[in-house]
C-alpha atoms as a PDB file:
ATOM      1  CA  MET A   1      30.268   3.933  47.322  1.00  0.00           C
ATOM      2  CA  SER A   2      29.372   4.851  43.814  1.00  0.00           C
ATOM      3  CA  HIS A   3      28.359   2.396  41.129  1.00  0.00           C
ATOM      4  CA  ILE A   4      29.406   4.744  38.356  1.00  0.00           C
ATOM      5  CA  LEU A   5      32.722   3.945  36.715  1.00  0.00           C
ATOM      6  CA  THR A   6      35.145   6.762  36.266  1.00  0.00           C
ATOM      7  CA  LEU A   7      37.010   7.171  33.015  1.00  0.00           C
ATOM      8  CA  LYS A   8      40.187   5.981  34.722  1.00  0.00           C
ATOM      9  CA  GLN A   9      38.472   2.802  35.950  1.00  0.00           C
ATOM     10  CA  LEU A  10      36.956   2.197  32.517  1.00  0.00           C
ATOM     11  CA  ASN A  11      40.375   2.531  30.838  1.00  0.00           C
ATOM     12  CA  ALA A  12      41.900   0.159  33.383  1.00  0.00           C
ATOM     13  CA  LEU A  13      39.103  -2.340  32.733  1.00  0.00           C
ATOM     14  CA  ALA A  14      39.578  -2.076  28.965  1.00  0.00           C
ATOM     15  CA  ARG A  15      43.339  -2.690  29.292  1.00  0.00           C
ATOM     16  CA  CYS A  16      42.896  -5.671  31.567  1.00  0.00           C
ATOM     17  CA  ASP A  17      44.332  -8.799  29.977  1.00  0.00           C
ATOM     18  CA  SER A  18      42.533 -11.337  32.114  1.00  0.00           C
ATOM     19  CA  GLY A  19      40.711 -13.900  30.011  1.00  0.00           C
ATOM     20  CA  ALA A  20      37.186 -13.253  31.291  1.00  0.00           C
ATOM     21  CA  VAL A  21      37.283  -9.501  30.650  1.00  0.00           C
ATOM     22  CA  THR A  22      38.841  -9.966  27.201  1.00  0.00           C
ATOM     23  CA  VAL A  23      36.142 -12.463  26.233  1.00  0.00           C
ATOM     24  CA  ASP A  24      33.433 -10.107  27.544  1.00  0.00           C
ATOM     25  CA  TRP A  25      34.753  -7.219  25.432  1.00  0.00           C
ATOM     26  CA  LEU A  26      35.084  -9.472  22.406  1.00  0.00           C
ATOM     27  CA  VAL A  27      31.495 -10.741  22.735  1.00  0.00           C
ATOM     28  CA  LEU A  28      30.167  -7.230  23.347  1.00  0.00           C
ATOM     29  CA  THR A  29      32.003  -5.865  20.305  1.00  0.00           C
ATOM     30  CA  ALA A  30      30.843  -8.734  18.075  1.00  0.00           C
ATOM     31  CA  ALA A  31      27.243  -8.300  19.219  1.00  0.00           C
ATOM     32  CA  THR A  32      27.370  -4.555  18.541  1.00  0.00           C
ATOM     33  CA  VAL A  33      28.849  -5.052  15.074  1.00  0.00           C
ATOM     34  CA  GLY A  34      26.259  -7.742  14.327  1.00  0.00           C
ATOM     35  CA  LEU A  35      23.385  -5.460  15.346  1.00  0.00           C
ATOM     36  CA  CYS A  36      24.772  -2.636  13.202  1.00  0.00           C
ATOM     37  CA  ILE A  37      25.029  -4.912  10.169  1.00  0.00           C
ATOM     38  CA  MET A  38      21.474  -6.185  10.706  1.00  0.00           C
ATOM     39  CA  ALA A  39      20.133  -2.636  11.052  1.00  0.00           C
ATOM     40  CA  ALA A  40      21.923  -1.514   7.887  1.00  0.00           C
ATOM     41  CA  GLY A  41      20.536  -4.535   6.023  1.00  0.00           C
ATOM     42  CA  ALA A  42      16.996  -3.805   7.221  1.00  0.00           C
ATOM     43  CA  VAL A  43      17.234  -0.167   6.127  1.00  0.00           C
ATOM     44  CA  LEU A  44      18.635  -1.164   2.732  1.00  0.00           C
ATOM     45  CA  ASN A  45      15.951  -3.826   2.229  1.00  0.00           C
ATOM     46  CA  GLY A  46      13.209  -1.373   3.211  1.00  0.00           C
ATOM     47  CA  SER A  47      14.571   1.268   0.836  1.00  0.00           C
ATOM     48  CA  VAL A  48      14.710  -1.197  -2.046  1.00  0.00           C
ATOM     49  CA  SER A  49      11.162  -2.405  -1.306  1.00  0.00           C
ATOM     50  CA  LEU A  50       9.844   1.149  -1.164  1.00  0.00           C
ATOM     51  CA  ALA A  51      11.602   2.070  -4.405  1.00  0.00           C
ATOM     52  CA  GLU A  52      10.114  -0.996  -6.114  1.00  0.00           C
ATOM     53  CA  ALA A  53       6.612  -0.153  -4.854  1.00  0.00           C
ATOM     54  CA  ILE A  54       6.949   3.412  -6.133  1.00  0.00           C
ATOM     55  CA  ARG A  55       8.246   2.184  -9.482  1.00  0.00           C
ATOM     56  CA  ILE A  56       5.306  -0.208  -9.856  1.00  0.00           C
ATOM     57  CA  SER A  57       2.747   2.434  -8.954  1.00  0.00           C
ATOM     58  CA  LEU A  58       4.240   4.919 -11.413  1.00  0.00           C
ATOM     59  CA  ALA A  59       4.736   2.358 -14.182  1.00  0.00           C
ATOM     60  CA  GLY A  60       1.174   2.705 -15.421  1.00  0.00           C
ATOM     61  CA  GLY A  61       1.932   6.216 -16.561  1.00  0.00           C
ATOM     62  CA  LYS A  62      -1.748   7.135 -16.519  1.00  0.00           C
ATOM     63  CA  VAL A  63      -3.216   9.354 -13.874  1.00  0.00           C
ATOM     64  CA  SER A  64      -6.929   8.870 -13.481  1.00  0.00           C
ATOM     65  CA  ALA A  65      -9.022  11.959 -13.986  1.00  0.00           C
ATOM     66  CA  TYR A  66     -11.799  10.481 -11.844  1.00  0.00           C
ATOM     67  CA  THR A  67     -12.272  11.626  -8.267  1.00  0.00           C
ATOM     68  CA  LEU A  68     -14.445   9.785  -5.796  1.00  0.00           C
ATOM     69  CA  GLN A  69     -17.978  11.121  -5.804  1.00  0.00           C
ATOM     70  CA  ARG A  70     -19.902   9.156  -3.194  1.00  0.00           C
ATOM     71  CA  LEU A  71     -17.510   7.358  -0.838  1.00  0.00           C
ATOM     72  CA  SER A  72     -15.976   9.173   2.107  1.00  0.00           C
ATOM     73  CA  GLU A  73     -12.222   9.032   2.555  1.00  0.00           C
ATOM     74  CA  ALA A  74     -12.575   6.460   5.350  1.00  0.00           C
ATOM     75  CA  ALA A  75     -14.991   4.299   3.354  1.00  0.00           C
ATOM     76  CA  ALA A  76     -12.741   4.492   0.294  1.00  0.00           C
ATOM     77  CA  ALA A  77      -9.742   3.394   2.379  1.00  0.00           C
ATOM     78  CA  GLN A  78     -11.744   0.478   3.767  1.00  0.00           C
ATOM     79  CA  TRP A  79     -12.894  -0.618   0.298  1.00  0.00           C
ATOM     80  CA  ALA A  80      -9.369  -0.204  -1.098  1.00  0.00           C
ATOM     81  CA  ALA A  81      -8.081  -2.504   1.659  1.00  0.00           C
ATOM     82  CA  THR A  82     -10.842  -5.011   0.878  1.00  0.00           C
ATOM     83  CA  PHE A  83      -9.929  -5.027  -2.810  1.00  0.00           C
ATOM     84  CA  ALA A  84      -6.206  -5.270  -1.962  1.00  0.00           C
ATOM     85  CA  ASP A  85      -6.871  -8.419   0.089  1.00  0.00           C
ATOM     86  CA  MET A  86      -8.535 -10.179  -2.858  1.00  0.00           C
ATOM     87  CA  THR A  87      -6.762 -12.582  -5.182  1.00  0.00           C
ATOM     88  CA  ASP A  88      -6.244 -11.497  -8.782  1.00  0.00           C
ATOM     89  CA  ALA A  89      -9.157 -13.685  -9.920  1.00  0.00           C
ATOM     90  CA  GLN A  90     -11.474 -12.324  -7.229  1.00  0.00           C
ATOM     91  CA  LEU A  91     -10.530  -8.755  -8.092  1.00  0.00           C
ATOM     92  CA  LEU A  92     -11.093  -9.317 -11.808  1.00  0.00           C
ATOM     93  CA  GLY A  93     -14.458 -10.888 -10.932  1.00  0.00           C
ATOM     94  CA  GLN A  94     -15.461  -7.639  -9.235  1.00  0.00           C
ATOM     95  CA  VAL A  95     -15.275  -5.709 -12.519  1.00  0.00           C
ATOM     96  CA  PRO A  96     -18.324  -7.254 -14.265  1.00  0.00           C
ATOM     97  CA  LEU A  97     -20.177  -7.534 -10.944  1.00  0.00           C
ATOM     98  CA  ARG A  98     -19.813  -3.826 -10.125  1.00  0.00           C
ATOM     99  CA  HIS A  99     -20.602  -2.867 -13.727  1.00  0.00           C
ATOM    100  CA  ASP A 100     -23.811  -4.932 -13.707  1.00  0.00           C
ATOM    101  CA  GLN A 101     -24.815  -3.392 -10.379  1.00  0.00           C
ATOM    102  CA  PHE A 102     -24.102   0.061 -11.795  1.00  0.00           C
ATOM    103  CA  MET A 103     -26.274  -0.577 -14.841  1.00  0.00           C
ATOM    104  CA  SER A 104     -29.151  -1.881 -12.688  1.00  0.00           C
ATOM    105  CA  HIS A 105     -29.030   1.169 -10.424  1.00  0.00           C
ATOM    106  CA  LEU A 106     -28.722   3.482 -13.410  1.00  0.00           C
ATOM    107  CA  GLU A 107     -31.783   1.985 -15.113  1.00  0.00           C
ATOM    108  CA  ALA A 108     -33.760   2.233 -11.856  1.00  0.00           C
ATOM    109  CA  GLN A 109     -32.585   5.843 -11.472  1.00  0.00           C
ATOM    110  CA  GLN A 110     -31.037   5.024  -8.116  1.00  0.00           C
ATOM    111  CA  TRP A 111     -28.450   7.739  -8.547  1.00  0.00           C
ATOM    112  CA  SER A 112     -26.663   7.434  -5.224  1.00  0.00           C
ATOM    113  CA  GLN A 113     -26.169   3.672  -5.530  1.00  0.00           C
ATOM    114  CA  ALA A 114     -25.087   3.980  -9.165  1.00  0.00           C
ATOM    115  CA  LEU A 115     -22.507   6.605  -8.269  1.00  0.00           C
ATOM    116  CA  GLN A 116     -21.220   4.437  -5.435  1.00  0.00           C
ATOM    117  CA  ARG A 117     -20.608   1.598  -7.941  1.00  0.00           C
ATOM    118  CA  VAL A 118     -18.573   4.019 -10.054  1.00  0.00           C
ATOM    119  CA  ASP A 119     -16.431   4.741  -6.985  1.00  0.00           C
ATOM    120  CA  TYR A 120     -15.982   0.995  -6.409  1.00  0.00           C
ATOM    121  CA  MET A 121     -14.965   0.520 -10.035  1.00  0.00           C
ATOM    122  CA  HIS A 122     -12.391   3.292  -9.705  1.00  0.00           C
ATOM    123  CA  LEU A 123     -10.872   1.656  -6.609  1.00  0.00           C
ATOM    124  CA  ILE A 124     -10.819  -1.719  -8.373  1.00  0.00           C
ATOM    125  CA  HIS A 125      -9.019  -0.201 -11.370  1.00  0.00           C
ATOM    126  CA  VAL A 126      -6.471   1.445  -9.063  1.00  0.00           C
ATOM    127  CA  GLU A 127      -5.755  -1.926  -7.421  1.00  0.00           C
ATOM    128  CA  LEU A 128      -5.521  -3.644 -10.820  1.00  0.00           C
ATOM    129  CA  ALA A 129      -3.010  -1.011 -11.966  1.00  0.00           C
ATOM    130  CA  THR A 130      -0.990  -1.537  -8.782  1.00  0.00           C
ATOM    131  CA  ARG A 131      -0.791  -5.237  -9.629  1.00  0.00           C
ATOM    132  CA  ASN A 132       0.004  -4.451 -13.270  1.00  0.00           C
ATOM    133  CA  ILE A 133      -3.152  -6.278 -14.424  1.00  0.00           C
ATOM    134  CA  SER A 134      -5.199  -4.960 -17.325  1.00  0.00           C
ATOM    135  CA  PRO A 135      -8.931  -4.694 -16.657  1.00  0.00           C
ATOM    136  CA  PRO A 136     -11.330  -6.416 -19.066  1.00  0.00           C
ATOM    137  CA  SER A 137     -11.530  -4.287 -22.209  1.00  0.00           C
ATOM    138  CA  ASP A 138     -15.246  -4.932 -22.772  1.00  0.00           C
ATOM    139  CA  ILE A 139     -16.273  -3.162 -19.551  1.00  0.00           C
ATOM    140  CA  PRO A 140     -16.036   0.631 -19.318  1.00  0.00           C
ATOM    141  CA  SER A 141     -13.678   2.385 -16.948  1.00  0.00           C
ATOM    142  CA  ALA A 142     -14.830   4.413 -13.962  1.00  0.00           C
ATOM    143  CA  GLU A 143     -14.444   7.577 -16.040  1.00  0.00           C
ATOM    144  CA  ALA A 144     -16.694   6.182 -18.788  1.00  0.00           C
ATOM    145  CA  MET A 145     -19.216   4.948 -16.222  1.00  0.00           C
ATOM    146  CA  PHE A 146     -19.269   8.398 -14.624  1.00  0.00           C
ATOM    147  CA  GLN A 147     -19.974   9.915 -18.030  1.00  0.00           C
ATOM    148  CA  MET A 148     -22.845   7.430 -18.468  1.00  0.00           C
ATOM    149  CA  TYR A 149     -24.137   8.466 -15.047  1.00  0.00           C
ATOM    150  CA  THR A 150     -23.898  12.160 -15.949  1.00  0.00           C
ATOM    151  CA  ASP A 151     -25.698  11.547 -19.250  1.00  0.00           C
ATOM    152  CA  ALA A 152     -28.443   9.557 -17.514  1.00  0.00           C
ATOM    153  CA  ARG A 153     -28.944  12.278 -14.911  1.00  0.00           C
ATOM    154  CA  SER A 154     -29.245  14.908 -17.613  1.00  0.00           C
ATOM    155  CA  GLY A 155     -31.588  12.727 -19.668  1.00  0.00           C
ATOM    156  CA  THR A 156     -29.280  12.226 -22.648  1.00  0.00           C
ATOM    157  CA  LEU A 157     -28.690   8.497 -22.148  1.00  0.00           C
END
C-alpha cells in the first residue's frame, strides 16, 4: 500500500466535485497566490529600499581621499556601528569632542592617539554624509586634520 498518489489519482482528485475537496483546492490556491503576492511585494520593497540607500550614499558626490591610518578594519566597523547608532545631535557633538582630543594629543606629541582621532573624525564624517548632514564648518575635516598631523610630525606645525 503506497502513500504516493499517481498522476491518475491526482487528476481524479482534482476533478472531484464534492464540496470538501473543492473548498480544499480553493483554499490551497488562494493561500499560494497570497504567498506569491507577499513575496513579490517584499522583493519590490527591498529593491526600492536598497536603491534609495545607494542614492543617498552617492548623493554627496565627494569621495574622501582619506584612508584609515590607525584603526583596524574590525575596529573601524565597530566604531562606524557606534556612530550609526547615535542620534543626529549626539553625532554632531562628537565632531568638536574628537577635534579637541586630536589637538590635545597632537600638542602632547602622542602621535598614535592623535592619528586614531583622525580616523574617528573620518568615520563621523562618513556617517554625517550618509544622513545628509553637513559637519560644522569651523572644525577641520579628517583630511585637514591628517595634514596637521603630518605637519606636526615633520616639525612644520
